[in-house]
C-alpha atoms as a PDB file:
ATOM      1  CA  MET A   1     101.577  61.167 118.278  1.00  0.00           C
ATOM      2  CA  ASN A   2     103.801  58.245 117.251  1.00  0.00           C
ATOM      3  CA  ASP A   3     103.249  55.050 119.278  1.00  0.00           C
ATOM      4  CA  LEU A   4     106.985  54.868 119.949  1.00  0.00           C
ATOM      5  CA  PHE A   5     106.723  57.943 122.187  1.00  0.00           C
ATOM      6  CA  PRO A   6     103.718  57.420 124.481  1.00  0.00           C
ATOM      7  CA  ALA A   7     105.578  59.108 127.327  1.00  0.00           C
ATOM      8  CA  ASN A   8     105.640  62.350 125.345  1.00  0.00           C
ATOM      9  CA  GLN A   9     101.859  62.583 125.282  1.00  0.00           C
ATOM     10  CA  GLY A  10     100.849  65.647 127.242  1.00  0.00           C
ATOM     11  CA  LYS A  11     104.360  67.037 127.522  1.00  0.00           C
ATOM     12  CA  LYS A  12     106.503  69.186 125.282  1.00  0.00           C
ATOM     13  CA  ALA A  13     108.604  67.372 122.683  1.00  0.00           C
ATOM     14  CA  THR A  14     112.370  67.889 122.691  1.00  0.00           C
ATOM     15  CA  ILE A  15     115.069  67.890 120.052  1.00  0.00           C
ATOM     16  CA  ASP A  16     116.044  64.409 121.296  1.00  0.00           C
ATOM     17  CA  ASP A  17     112.536  63.162 120.469  1.00  0.00           C
ATOM     18  CA  VAL A  18     112.751  64.581 116.947  1.00  0.00           C
ATOM     19  CA  ALA A  19     116.165  63.003 116.387  1.00  0.00           C
ATOM     20  CA  ALA A  20     114.944  59.613 117.606  1.00  0.00           C
ATOM     21  CA  LEU A  21     111.792  59.654 115.468  1.00  0.00           C
ATOM     22  CA  ALA A  22     113.666  60.846 112.361  1.00  0.00           C
ATOM     23  CA  LYS A  23     116.511  58.368 113.048  1.00  0.00           C
ATOM     24  CA  VAL A  24     119.198  61.044 112.811  1.00  0.00           C
ATOM     25  CA  SER A  25     121.597  62.676 115.230  1.00  0.00           C
ATOM     26  CA  ILE A  26     120.707  65.657 117.408  1.00  0.00           C
ATOM     27  CA  LYS A  27     123.346  67.617 115.480  1.00  0.00           C
ATOM     28  CA  THR A  28     121.520  66.892 112.210  1.00  0.00           C
ATOM     29  CA  VAL A  29     118.228  68.140 113.651  1.00  0.00           C
ATOM     30  CA  SER A  30     120.000  71.309 114.771  1.00  0.00           C
ATOM     31  CA  ARG A  31     121.505  71.773 111.312  1.00  0.00           C
ATOM     32  CA  VAL A  32     118.078  71.407 109.712  1.00  0.00           C
ATOM     33  CA  PHE A  33     116.455  74.004 111.956  1.00  0.00           C
ATOM     34  CA  ASN A  34     119.386  76.380 111.516  1.00  0.00           C
ATOM     35  CA  ALA A  35     118.972  75.978 107.722  1.00  0.00           C
ATOM     36  CA  GLU A  36     122.608  74.995 107.383  1.00  0.00           C
ATOM     37  CA  PRO A  37     123.849  73.851 103.966  1.00  0.00           C
ATOM     38  CA  ASN A  38     124.896  70.312 103.010  1.00  0.00           C
ATOM     39  CA  VAL A  39     121.878  68.580 104.519  1.00  0.00           C
ATOM     40  CA  ARG A  40     120.312  66.097 102.119  1.00  0.00           C
ATOM     41  CA  PRO A  41     116.774  67.089 101.065  1.00  0.00           C
ATOM     42  CA  THR A  42     115.463  63.648 102.058  1.00  0.00           C
ATOM     43  CA  THR A  43     117.011  64.010 105.518  1.00  0.00           C
ATOM     44  CA  ARG A  44     115.633  67.529 105.884  1.00  0.00           C
ATOM     45  CA  ASP A  45     112.150  66.328 104.905  1.00  0.00           C
ATOM     46  CA  ARG A  46     112.335  63.456 107.405  1.00  0.00           C
ATOM     47  CA  VAL A  47     113.353  65.779 110.245  1.00  0.00           C
ATOM     48  CA  MET A  48     110.619  68.297 109.416  1.00  0.00           C
ATOM     49  CA  ALA A  49     108.013  65.525 109.209  1.00  0.00           C
ATOM     50  CA  ALA A  50     109.083  64.251 112.633  1.00  0.00           C
ATOM     51  CA  ALA A  51     108.921  67.766 114.069  1.00  0.00           C
ATOM     52  CA  ARG A  52     105.390  68.220 112.723  1.00  0.00           C
ATOM     53  CA  GLU A  53     104.262  64.877 114.101  1.00  0.00           C
ATOM     54  CA  LEU A  54     105.656  65.721 117.534  1.00  0.00           C
ATOM     55  CA  ASP A  55     104.486  69.340 117.347  1.00  0.00           C
ATOM     56  CA  TYR A  56     108.066  70.341 118.096  1.00  0.00           C
ATOM     57  CA  GLN A  57     108.953  74.038 118.072  1.00  0.00           C
ATOM     58  CA  PRO A  58     112.663  74.932 118.266  1.00  0.00           C
ATOM     59  CA  ASN A  59     113.682  77.394 120.967  1.00  0.00           C
ATOM     60  CA  LEU A  60     114.371  80.624 119.080  1.00  0.00           C
ATOM     61  CA  SER A  61     116.282  82.152 121.981  1.00  0.00           C
ATOM     62  CA  ALA A  62     118.586  79.140 122.137  1.00  0.00           C
ATOM     63  CA  ARG A  63     119.147  79.299 118.382  1.00  0.00           C
ATOM     64  CA  ARG A  64     120.058  82.962 118.641  1.00  0.00           C
ATOM     65  CA  LEU A  65     122.527  82.377 121.452  1.00  0.00           C
ATOM     66  CA  ALA A  66     124.170  79.429 119.716  1.00  0.00           C
ATOM     67  CA  ALA A  67     124.456  81.066 116.305  1.00  0.00           C
ATOM     68  CA  LYS A  68     124.910  84.664 117.516  1.00  0.00           C
ATOM     69  CA  ARG A  69     122.202  85.716 115.070  1.00  0.00           C
ATOM     70  CA  ALA A  70     118.702  87.130 115.333  1.00  0.00           C
ATOM     71  CA  PHE A  71     117.309  84.900 112.550  1.00  0.00           C
ATOM     72  CA  VAL A  72     115.359  87.963 111.418  1.00  0.00           C
ATOM     73  CA  ILE A  73     115.783  90.212 108.377  1.00  0.00           C
ATOM     74  CA  GLY A  74     114.440  93.744 108.302  1.00  0.00           C
ATOM     75  CA  LEU A  75     112.338  94.961 105.369  1.00  0.00           C
ATOM     76  CA  LEU A  76     112.625  98.742 105.195  1.00  0.00           C
ATOM     77  CA  TYR A  77     110.098 100.517 103.009  1.00  0.00           C
ATOM     78  CA  ASP A  78     108.482 103.858 102.296  1.00  0.00           C
ATOM     79  CA  ASN A  79     106.184 103.158  99.376  1.00  0.00           C
ATOM     80  CA  PRO A  80     102.583 104.343  98.904  1.00  0.00           C
ATOM     81  CA  GLN A  81     101.607 101.260  96.879  1.00  0.00           C
ATOM     82  CA  SER A  82     100.123  98.658  99.210  1.00  0.00           C
ATOM     83  CA  ASP A  83      99.949  96.021  96.447  1.00  0.00           C
ATOM     84  CA  TYR A  84     103.666  96.397  95.788  1.00  0.00           C
ATOM     85  CA  ILE A  85     104.830  96.111  99.373  1.00  0.00           C
ATOM     86  CA  ILE A  86     102.479  93.189 100.104  1.00  0.00           C
ATOM     87  CA  ALA A  87     103.933  91.290  97.129  1.00  0.00           C
ATOM     88  CA  ILE A  88     107.452  92.028  98.392  1.00  0.00           C
ATOM     89  CA  GLN A  89     106.530  90.749 101.868  1.00  0.00           C
ATOM     90  CA  GLU A  90     104.961  87.549 100.528  1.00  0.00           C
ATOM     91  CA  GLY A  91     107.923  86.714  98.295  1.00  0.00           C
ATOM     92  CA  ALA A  92     110.502  87.426 100.996  1.00  0.00           C
ATOM     93  CA  LEU A  93     108.552  85.433 103.586  1.00  0.00           C
ATOM     94  CA  GLN A  94     108.463  82.397 101.294  1.00  0.00           C
ATOM     95  CA  ILE A  95     112.273  82.274 101.219  1.00  0.00           C
ATOM     96  CA  CYS A  96     112.672  83.147 104.902  1.00  0.00           C
ATOM     97  CA  ARG A  97     110.560  80.150 105.901  1.00  0.00           C
ATOM     98  CA  GLN A  98     112.896  77.859 103.987  1.00  0.00           C
ATOM     99  CA  TYR A  99     115.867  79.277 105.895  1.00  0.00           C
ATOM    100  CA  GLY A 100     114.183  79.334 109.302  1.00  0.00           C
ATOM    101  CA  TYR A 101     114.109  83.138 109.355  1.00  0.00           C
ATOM    102  CA  HIS A 102     111.482  85.723 110.244  1.00  0.00           C
ATOM    103  CA  ILE A 103     110.835  89.201 108.807  1.00  0.00           C
ATOM    104  CA  LEU A 104     110.603  92.485 110.654  1.00  0.00           C
ATOM    105  CA  ILE A 105     108.423  94.834 108.580  1.00  0.00           C
ATOM    106  CA  HIS A 106     109.624  98.364 109.275  1.00  0.00           C
ATOM    107  CA  PRO A 107     107.942 101.331 107.541  1.00  0.00           C
ATOM    108  CA  CYS A 108     110.042 104.452 107.769  1.00  0.00           C
ATOM    109  CA  THR A 109     110.456 107.934 106.367  1.00  0.00           C
ATOM    110  CA  GLU A 110     113.101 108.763 103.814  1.00  0.00           C
ATOM    111  CA  GLU A 111     114.551 111.576 105.956  1.00  0.00           C
ATOM    112  CA  PRO A 112     118.263 110.618 105.954  1.00  0.00           C
ATOM    113  CA  ALA A 113     119.268 111.157 109.597  1.00  0.00           C
ATOM    114  CA  GLY A 114     116.246 109.389 111.071  1.00  0.00           C
ATOM    115  CA  LEU A 115     116.421 106.554 108.555  1.00  0.00           C
ATOM    116  CA  VAL A 116     120.093 105.847 109.242  1.00  0.00           C
ATOM    117  CA  SER A 117     119.534 105.960 112.999  1.00  0.00           C
ATOM    118  CA  GLU A 118     116.577 103.544 112.823  1.00  0.00           C
ATOM    119  CA  ALA A 119     118.435 101.015 110.689  1.00  0.00           C
ATOM    120  CA  VAL A 120     121.661 101.116 112.687  1.00  0.00           C
ATOM    121  CA  ASN A 121     119.779 100.762 115.977  1.00  0.00           C
ATOM    122  CA  LEU A 122     117.834  97.742 114.745  1.00  0.00           C
ATOM    123  CA  LYS A 123     121.098  95.988 113.909  1.00  0.00           C
ATOM    124  CA  SER A 124     123.077  97.105 116.965  1.00  0.00           C
ATOM    125  CA  GLN A 125     120.274  95.946 119.285  1.00  0.00           C
ATOM    126  CA  GLY A 126     120.424  92.484 117.729  1.00  0.00           C
ATOM    127  CA  MET A 127     116.916  92.661 116.301  1.00  0.00           C
ATOM    128  CA  VAL A 128     117.935  91.874 112.696  1.00  0.00           C
ATOM    129  CA  ASP A 129     120.829  90.270 110.828  1.00  0.00           C
ATOM    130  CA  GLY A 130     120.505  92.389 107.697  1.00  0.00           C
ATOM    131  CA  PHE A 131     118.191  94.499 105.579  1.00  0.00           C
ATOM    132  CA  LEU A 132     116.091  94.147 102.459  1.00  0.00           C
ATOM    133  CA  LEU A 133     115.665  97.647 101.034  1.00  0.00           C
ATOM    134  CA  SER A 134     112.759  98.513  98.733  1.00  0.00           C
ATOM    135  CA  GLN A 135     112.364 101.693  96.691  1.00  0.00           C
ATOM    136  CA  PRO A 136     112.838 104.562  97.403  1.00  0.00           C
ATOM    137  CA  ILE A 137     114.688 103.597 100.621  1.00  0.00           C
ATOM    138  CA  SER A 138     117.072 101.532  98.480  1.00  0.00           C
ATOM    139  CA  GLU A 139     118.220 104.708  96.708  1.00  0.00           C
ATOM    140  CA  ASN A 140     119.048 106.681  99.862  1.00  0.00           C
ATOM    141  CA  ALA A 141     122.785 107.367  99.613  1.00  0.00           C
ATOM    142  CA  ALA A 142     123.208 108.229 103.309  1.00  0.00           C
ATOM    143  CA  LEU A 143     121.660 104.924 104.392  1.00  0.00           C
ATOM    144  CA  ILE A 144     123.692 102.846 101.941  1.00  0.00           C
ATOM    145  CA  GLN A 145     126.906 104.524 103.073  1.00  0.00           C
ATOM    146  CA  ALA A 146     126.084 103.916 106.753  1.00  0.00           C
ATOM    147  CA  LEU A 147     125.308 100.227 106.170  1.00  0.00           C
ATOM    148  CA  GLU A 148     128.485  99.678 104.181  1.00  0.00           C
ATOM    149  CA  GLN A 149     130.673 101.471 106.727  1.00  0.00           C
ATOM    150  CA  ARG A 150     129.336  99.147 109.437  1.00  0.00           C
ATOM    151  CA  ASN A 151     129.451  95.999 107.266  1.00  0.00           C
ATOM    152  CA  ILE A 152     125.723  95.433 107.756  1.00  0.00           C
ATOM    153  CA  PRO A 153     124.438  92.940 105.148  1.00  0.00           C
ATOM    154  CA  HIS A 154     121.845  94.413 102.819  1.00  0.00           C
ATOM    155  CA  VAL A 155     120.332  93.882  99.382  1.00  0.00           C
ATOM    156  CA  ARG A 156     118.708  96.626  97.335  1.00  0.00           C
ATOM    157  CA  ILE A 157     115.621  96.460  95.121  1.00  0.00           C
ATOM    158  CA  SER A 158     116.576  99.215  92.722  1.00  0.00           C
ATOM    159  CA  GLN A 159     117.596 100.080  89.176  1.00  0.00           C
ATOM    160  CA  ARG A 160     120.248 102.523  90.399  1.00  0.00           C
ATOM    161  CA  ALA A 161     123.849 101.484  91.043  1.00  0.00           C
ATOM    162  CA  LEU A 162     124.756 102.706  94.516  1.00  0.00           C
ATOM    163  CA  GLY A 163     127.482 101.225  96.696  1.00  0.00           C
ATOM    164  CA  GLY A 164     128.713  97.669  96.452  1.00  0.00           C
ATOM    165  CA  ALA A 165     125.687  95.668  97.622  1.00  0.00           C
ATOM    166  CA  PRO A 166     123.780  93.415  95.212  1.00  0.00           C
ATOM    167  CA  CYS A 167     120.749  94.857  93.392  1.00  0.00           C
ATOM    168  CA  ILE A 168     117.621  93.071  92.263  1.00  0.00           C
ATOM    169  CA  SER A 169     116.076  95.181  89.529  1.00  0.00           C
ATOM    170  CA  VAL A 170     113.496  95.237  86.768  1.00  0.00           C
ATOM    171  CA  ASN A 171     114.217  96.695  83.333  1.00  0.00           C
ATOM    172  CA  ASP A 172     111.635  99.471  83.607  1.00  0.00           C
ATOM    173  CA  GLU A 173     112.990 101.440  80.659  1.00  0.00           C
ATOM    174  CA  GLU A 174     112.671  98.476  78.310  1.00  0.00           C
ATOM    175  CA  ALA A 175     109.121  97.749  79.525  1.00  0.00           C
ATOM    176  CA  ALA A 176     107.999 101.374  79.157  1.00  0.00           C
ATOM    177  CA  ALA A 177     109.428 101.532  75.644  1.00  0.00           C
ATOM    178  CA  ARG A 178     107.512  98.378  74.725  1.00  0.00           C
ATOM    179  CA  MET A 179     104.265  99.798  76.125  1.00  0.00           C
ATOM    180  CA  THR A 180     104.756 103.002  74.141  1.00  0.00           C
ATOM    181  CA  GLN A 181     105.409 100.941  70.994  1.00  0.00           C
ATOM    182  CA  HIS A 182     102.133  99.118  71.646  1.00  0.00           C
ATOM    183  CA  LEU A 183     100.268 102.449  71.593  1.00  0.00           C
ATOM    184  CA  ILE A 184     102.105 103.568  68.459  1.00  0.00           C
ATOM    185  CA  GLU A 185     101.263 100.272  66.728  1.00  0.00           C
ATOM    186  CA  LEU A 186      97.602 101.036  67.456  1.00  0.00           C
ATOM    187  CA  GLY A 187      97.982 104.260  65.463  1.00  0.00           C
ATOM    188  CA  HIS A 188      98.408 106.725  68.340  1.00  0.00           C
ATOM    189  CA  THR A 189     100.696 109.695  67.764  1.00  0.00           C
ATOM    190  CA  ARG A 190      99.299 112.034  70.435  1.00  0.00           C
ATOM    191  CA  ILE A 191     100.379 110.204  73.569  1.00  0.00           C
ATOM    192  CA  GLY A 192     100.285 111.684  77.061  1.00  0.00           C
ATOM    193  CA  PHE A 193     102.458 110.462  79.918  1.00  0.00           C
ATOM    194  CA  VAL A 194     101.965 110.582  83.702  1.00  0.00           C
ATOM    195  CA  MET A 195     105.265 110.287  85.561  1.00  0.00           C
ATOM    196  CA  GLY A 196     105.634 108.525  88.895  1.00  0.00           C
ATOM    197  CA  HIS A 197     107.057 109.885  92.132  1.00  0.00           C
ATOM    198  CA  PRO A 198     110.135 112.030  91.394  1.00  0.00           C
ATOM    199  CA  ASP A 199     112.125 110.321  94.185  1.00  0.00           C
ATOM    200  CA  HIS A 200     111.737 106.869  92.622  1.00  0.00           C
ATOM    201  CA  GLY A 201     114.313 105.778  90.057  1.00  0.00           C
ATOM    202  CA  SER A 202     111.661 103.642  88.353  1.00  0.00           C
ATOM    203  CA  SER A 203     109.722 106.788  87.436  1.00  0.00           C
ATOM    204  CA  HIS A 204     112.671 108.244  85.551  1.00  0.00           C
ATOM    205  CA  ASP A 205     113.491 104.942  83.849  1.00  0.00           C
ATOM    206  CA  ARG A 206     109.923 104.578  82.601  1.00  0.00           C
ATOM    207  CA  HIS A 207     109.933 108.151  81.336  1.00  0.00           C
ATOM    208  CA  ASP A 208     113.215 107.458  79.525  1.00  0.00           C
ATOM    209  CA  GLY A 209     111.683 104.390  77.889  1.00  0.00           C
ATOM    210  CA  PHE A 210     108.655 106.406  76.768  1.00  0.00           C
ATOM    211  CA  GLN A 211     110.869 109.105  75.250  1.00  0.00           C
ATOM    212  CA  ARG A 212     113.104 106.546  73.547  1.00  0.00           C
ATOM    213  CA  ALA A 213     110.181 104.787  71.866  1.00  0.00           C
ATOM    214  CA  MET A 214     108.640 108.072  70.748  1.00  0.00           C
ATOM    215  CA  ALA A 215     111.945 109.203  69.228  1.00  0.00           C
ATOM    216  CA  ALA A 216     112.457 105.836  67.515  1.00  0.00           C
ATOM    217  CA  ALA A 217     109.051 106.255  65.852  1.00  0.00           C
ATOM    218  CA  GLY A 218     109.867 109.813  64.760  1.00  0.00           C
ATOM    219  CA  LEU A 219     107.275 111.288  67.124  1.00  0.00           C
ATOM    220  CA  THR A 220     107.692 114.421  69.208  1.00  0.00           C
ATOM    221  CA  VAL A 221     106.876 114.385  72.918  1.00  0.00           C
ATOM    222  CA  ASN A 222     104.556 117.296  73.651  1.00  0.00           C
ATOM    223  CA  PRO A 223     105.647 118.714  77.050  1.00  0.00           C
ATOM    224  CA  ASP A 224     102.052 119.831  77.662  1.00  0.00           C
ATOM    225  CA  TRP A 225     101.051 116.166  77.675  1.00  0.00           C
ATOM    226  CA  VAL A 226     103.601 115.106  80.310  1.00  0.00           C
ATOM    227  CA  GLU A 227     102.287 115.348  83.881  1.00  0.00           C
ATOM    228  CA  GLN A 228     104.027 114.761  87.197  1.00  0.00           C
ATOM    229  CA  GLY A 229     102.352 112.138  89.363  1.00  0.00           C
ATOM    230  CA  LEU A 230     103.089 110.597  92.767  1.00  0.00           C
ATOM    231  CA  TYR A 231     102.302 106.919  92.152  1.00  0.00           C
ATOM    232  CA  ASN A 232      98.850 107.251  93.735  1.00  0.00           C
ATOM    233  CA  PHE A 233      95.261 107.414  92.493  1.00  0.00           C
ATOM    234  CA  GLU A 234      94.777 111.077  93.391  1.00  0.00           C
ATOM    235  CA  SER A 235      97.722 112.306  91.335  1.00  0.00           C
ATOM    236  CA  GLY A 236      96.634 110.189  88.367  1.00  0.00           C
ATOM    237  CA  TYR A 237      93.119 111.576  88.591  1.00  0.00           C
ATOM    238  CA  SER A 238      94.392 115.181  88.688  1.00  0.00           C
ATOM    239  CA  ALA A 239      96.773 114.538  85.795  1.00  0.00           C
ATOM    240  CA  GLY A 240      93.985 112.928  83.774  1.00  0.00           C
ATOM    241  CA  ARG A 241      91.683 115.909  84.308  1.00  0.00           C
ATOM    242  CA  ARG A 242      94.386 118.316  83.137  1.00  0.00           C
ATOM    243  CA  LEU A 243      95.298 116.266  80.073  1.00  0.00           C
ATOM    244  CA  LEU A 244      91.666 115.840  79.035  1.00  0.00           C
ATOM    245  CA  ALA A 245      90.987 119.564  79.485  1.00  0.00           C
ATOM    246  CA  ALA A 246      93.594 120.489  76.836  1.00  0.00           C
ATOM    247  CA  ALA A 247      92.326 122.114  73.642  1.00  0.00           C
ATOM    248  CA  LEU A 248      94.084 119.367  71.695  1.00  0.00           C
ATOM    249  CA  ARG A 249      94.107 116.382  73.965  1.00  0.00           C
ATOM    250  CA  PRO A 250      96.046 113.130  73.595  1.00  0.00           C
ATOM    251  CA  THR A 251      94.339 110.033  72.204  1.00  0.00           C
ATOM    252  CA  ALA A 252      96.302 107.785  74.577  1.00  0.00           C
ATOM    253  CA  ILE A 253      97.660 108.235  78.101  1.00  0.00           C
ATOM    254  CA  PHE A 254     100.412 106.056  79.566  1.00  0.00           C
ATOM    255  CA  ALA A 255     100.479 106.298  83.372  1.00  0.00           C
ATOM    256  CA  CYS A 256     103.603 105.117  85.205  1.00  0.00           C
ATOM    257  CA  ASN A 257     101.642 102.730  87.425  1.00  0.00           C
ATOM    258  CA  ASP A 258      98.202 101.163  87.711  1.00  0.00           C
ATOM    259  CA  HIS A 259      97.051 103.352  90.600  1.00  0.00           C
ATOM    260  CA  MET A 260      97.551 106.500  88.515  1.00  0.00           C
ATOM    261  CA  ALA A 261      96.022 104.822  85.452  1.00  0.00           C
ATOM    262  CA  MET A 262      92.884 104.176  87.531  1.00  0.00           C
ATOM    263  CA  GLY A 263      92.790 107.874  88.304  1.00  0.00           C
ATOM    264  CA  VAL A 264      93.019 108.674  84.589  1.00  0.00           C
ATOM    265  CA  LEU A 265      90.183 106.226  83.847  1.00  0.00           C
ATOM    266  CA  THR A 266      88.007 107.878  86.487  1.00  0.00           C
ATOM    267  CA  ALA A 267      88.694 111.329  85.037  1.00  0.00           C
ATOM    268  CA  ALA A 268      87.779 110.068  81.562  1.00  0.00           C
ATOM    269  CA  HIS A 269      84.536 108.473  82.772  1.00  0.00           C
ATOM    270  CA  GLU A 270      83.535 111.671  84.581  1.00  0.00           C
ATOM    271  CA  GLN A 271      84.062 113.728  81.430  1.00  0.00           C
ATOM    272  CA  GLY A 272      82.181 111.314  79.196  1.00  0.00           C
ATOM    273  CA  VAL A 273      85.311 110.266  77.296  1.00  0.00           C
ATOM    274  CA  THR A 274      84.914 106.660  76.161  1.00  0.00           C
ATOM    275  CA  VAL A 275      87.741 104.185  76.734  1.00  0.00           C
ATOM    276  CA  PRO A 276      89.141 102.912  74.439  1.00  0.00           C
ATOM    277  CA  GLY A 277      86.920 104.480  71.748  1.00  0.00           C
ATOM    278  CA  GLN A 278      88.111 108.057  72.293  1.00  0.00           C
ATOM    279  CA  LEU A 279      91.023 107.471  74.657  1.00  0.00           C
ATOM    280  CA  SER A 280      93.374 104.559  75.306  1.00  0.00           C
ATOM    281  CA  VAL A 281      94.753 104.225  78.833  1.00  0.00           C
ATOM    282  CA  CYS A 282      97.536 101.962  80.084  1.00  0.00           C
ATOM    283  CA  GLY A 283      99.442 101.505  83.326  1.00  0.00           C
ATOM    284  CA  PHE A 284     102.353  99.618  84.829  1.00  0.00           C
ATOM    285  CA  ASP A 285     102.703  96.830  87.478  1.00  0.00           C
ATOM    286  CA  ASP A 286      99.630  94.627  86.812  1.00  0.00           C
ATOM    287  CA  THR A 287      98.178  94.995  90.280  1.00  0.00           C
ATOM    288  CA  PRO A 288      94.984  93.000  91.048  1.00  0.00           C
ATOM    289  CA  MET A 289      92.844  96.082  90.377  1.00  0.00           C
ATOM    290  CA  ALA A 290      94.058  96.176  86.766  1.00  0.00           C
ATOM    291  CA  ARG A 291      91.997  93.082  85.953  1.00  0.00           C
ATOM    292  CA  TYR A 292      88.838  94.442  87.550  1.00  0.00           C
ATOM    293  CA  SER A 293      88.814  98.051  86.358  1.00  0.00           C
ATOM    294  CA  TRP A 294      86.389  99.121  83.649  1.00  0.00           C
ATOM    295  CA  PRO A 295      87.516  98.504  81.075  1.00  0.00           C
ATOM    296  CA  PRO A 296      90.215  96.044  82.205  1.00  0.00           C
ATOM    297  CA  LEU A 297      93.574  97.800  82.119  1.00  0.00           C
ATOM    298  CA  THR A 298      96.389  97.203  79.662  1.00  0.00           C
ATOM    299  CA  THR A 299      99.564  97.220  81.733  1.00  0.00           C
ATOM    300  CA  SER A 300     103.128  95.974  82.110  1.00  0.00           C
ATOM    301  CA  ARG A 301     103.374  93.069  84.532  1.00  0.00           C
ATOM    302  CA  GLN A 302     106.228  93.431  86.999  1.00  0.00           C
ATOM    303  CA  PRO A 303     107.663  90.177  88.414  1.00  0.00           C
ATOM    304  CA  ILE A 304     107.479  91.622  91.935  1.00  0.00           C
ATOM    305  CA  HIS A 305     107.131  88.254  93.641  1.00  0.00           C
ATOM    306  CA  GLN A 306     110.229  86.938  91.851  1.00  0.00           C
ATOM    307  CA  VAL A 307     112.112  90.129  92.723  1.00  0.00           C
ATOM    308  CA  ALA A 308     111.333  89.554  96.401  1.00  0.00           C
ATOM    309  CA  LEU A 309     112.288  85.873  96.246  1.00  0.00           C
ATOM    310  CA  LEU A 310     115.674  86.688  94.752  1.00  0.00           C
ATOM    311  CA  ALA A 311     116.307  89.650  97.051  1.00  0.00           C
ATOM    312  CA  ALA A 312     115.597  87.623 100.195  1.00  0.00           C
ATOM    313  CA  GLU A 313     117.598  84.636  98.970  1.00  0.00           C
ATOM    314  CA  VAL A 314     120.643  86.748  98.099  1.00  0.00           C
ATOM    315  CA  LEU A 315     120.425  88.555 101.450  1.00  0.00           C
ATOM    316  CA  LEU A 316     120.262  85.311 103.440  1.00  0.00           C
ATOM    317  CA  LYS A 317     123.190  83.876 101.493  1.00  0.00           C
ATOM    318  CA  ARG A 318     125.059  87.105 102.193  1.00  0.00           C
ATOM    319  CA  ILE A 319     124.322  86.859 105.930  1.00  0.00           C
ATOM    320  CA  ARG A 320     125.459  83.222 105.971  1.00  0.00           C
ATOM    321  CA  ASN A 321     128.542  83.857 103.789  1.00  0.00           C
ATOM    322  CA  GLU A 322     127.317  81.438 101.138  1.00  0.00           C
ATOM    323  CA  ALA A 323     127.947  81.447  97.397  1.00  0.00           C
ATOM    324  CA  GLY A 324     125.557  83.746  95.538  1.00  0.00           C
ATOM    325  CA  GLY A 325     125.473  86.416  98.229  1.00  0.00           C
ATOM    326  CA  ASP A 326     127.093  88.968  95.932  1.00  0.00           C
ATOM    327  CA  GLN A 327     124.976  88.318  92.841  1.00  0.00           C
ATOM    328  CA  SER A 328     122.755  90.982  91.258  1.00  0.00           C
ATOM    329  CA  HIS A 329     119.797  90.102  89.031  1.00  0.00           C
ATOM    330  CA  LEU A 330     117.933  91.952  86.257  1.00  0.00           C
ATOM    331  CA  LEU A 331     114.374  90.809  85.533  1.00  0.00           C
ATOM    332  CA  HIS A 332     111.986  91.700  82.720  1.00  0.00           C
ATOM    333  CA  CYS A 333     108.329  92.716  82.511  1.00  0.00           C
ATOM    334  CA  GLU A 334     105.524  91.318  80.377  1.00  0.00           C
ATOM    335  CA  LEU A 335     103.128  93.437  78.319  1.00  0.00           C
ATOM    336  CA  VAL A 336      99.541  92.506  79.230  1.00  0.00           C
ATOM    337  CA  ARG A 337      97.018  93.648  76.614  1.00  0.00           C
ATOM    338  CA  ARG A 338      93.511  94.264  77.881  1.00  0.00           C
ATOM    339  CA  ALA A 339      90.483  96.271  76.789  1.00  0.00           C
ATOM    340  CA  SER A 340      91.608  99.765  77.866  1.00  0.00           C
ATOM    341  CA  THR A 341      93.734 100.258  74.736  1.00  0.00           C
ATOM    342  CA  GLY A 342      92.492 100.252  71.172  1.00  0.00           C
ATOM    343  CA  SER A 343      93.031 101.800  67.768  1.00  0.00           C
ATOM    344  CA  ALA A 344      93.492 105.558  67.617  1.00  0.00           C
ATOM    345  CA  PRO A 345      90.232 107.359  66.798  1.00  0.00           C
ATOM    346  CA  GLY A 346      89.953 108.337  63.151  1.00  0.00           C
END
């Protein structure tokens, strides 16, 4: 505790104490903790340093009453990939901390009536100021319409244009085409494909990219080598078993995400098919497991953390009526070559 405030030892610090120690006005301290614009970074740092030294915690209830806000955003999701949603949470939380906001993590079903009711109730009860929508929730037309009709701020993580809210998206089609080209450059012409969940726009975009690259190379997509998956290990494993049981099997399999690619790898190992000697396998996302699979997985690295940062920042600017609250962003993936892909067998 600072020697200037011996009387505060043993009792709770106040906003007046922070202002005195930081040598600013009480109004400035309030502006810092409400994450208001036009506060100099040096002033903000001085106020935060004083608050830490005094162990000062602003009264959230008082902030809410004064600003007529919850200082909470809701993250709505229905996604089977734990790695994906954790990355979204971490990125969004990083921005929320800068703005003095919290996150309400709300898993929900995609059933339209229940989803709309849940979201509207969260806002009407003052629990959130707006919503960050991840796939496939972000592509639910009934929800988007309900939010727009009620002027509820929201930002969508999606490749699909729907309504007037900003979208933060990744060019999945471009990335899938590049991955397919990588396999073709290795000499593969018999390439299998495991699609993602049919309700996710990313699955269709990645399939489109695969088809586009095959056509550009003058190769025909064999429908017997295209399997429907669900973005989970089990569906990838089942698809891998079916593809490897074919009389003429593919020499490479591109799975729409890493979880399904792991399933394909397991199916290959069980059947004694060597990777990449007899079969090349690749995925999408670059989840942590991709580095530790055997062999390490070639994949397309999604900038999920950056997607979440941008989505949360745009949403908070939208809530606060700041510049940039209407801006959409398109990000790109990076091809990560590892040991699971190699030259086509002779």
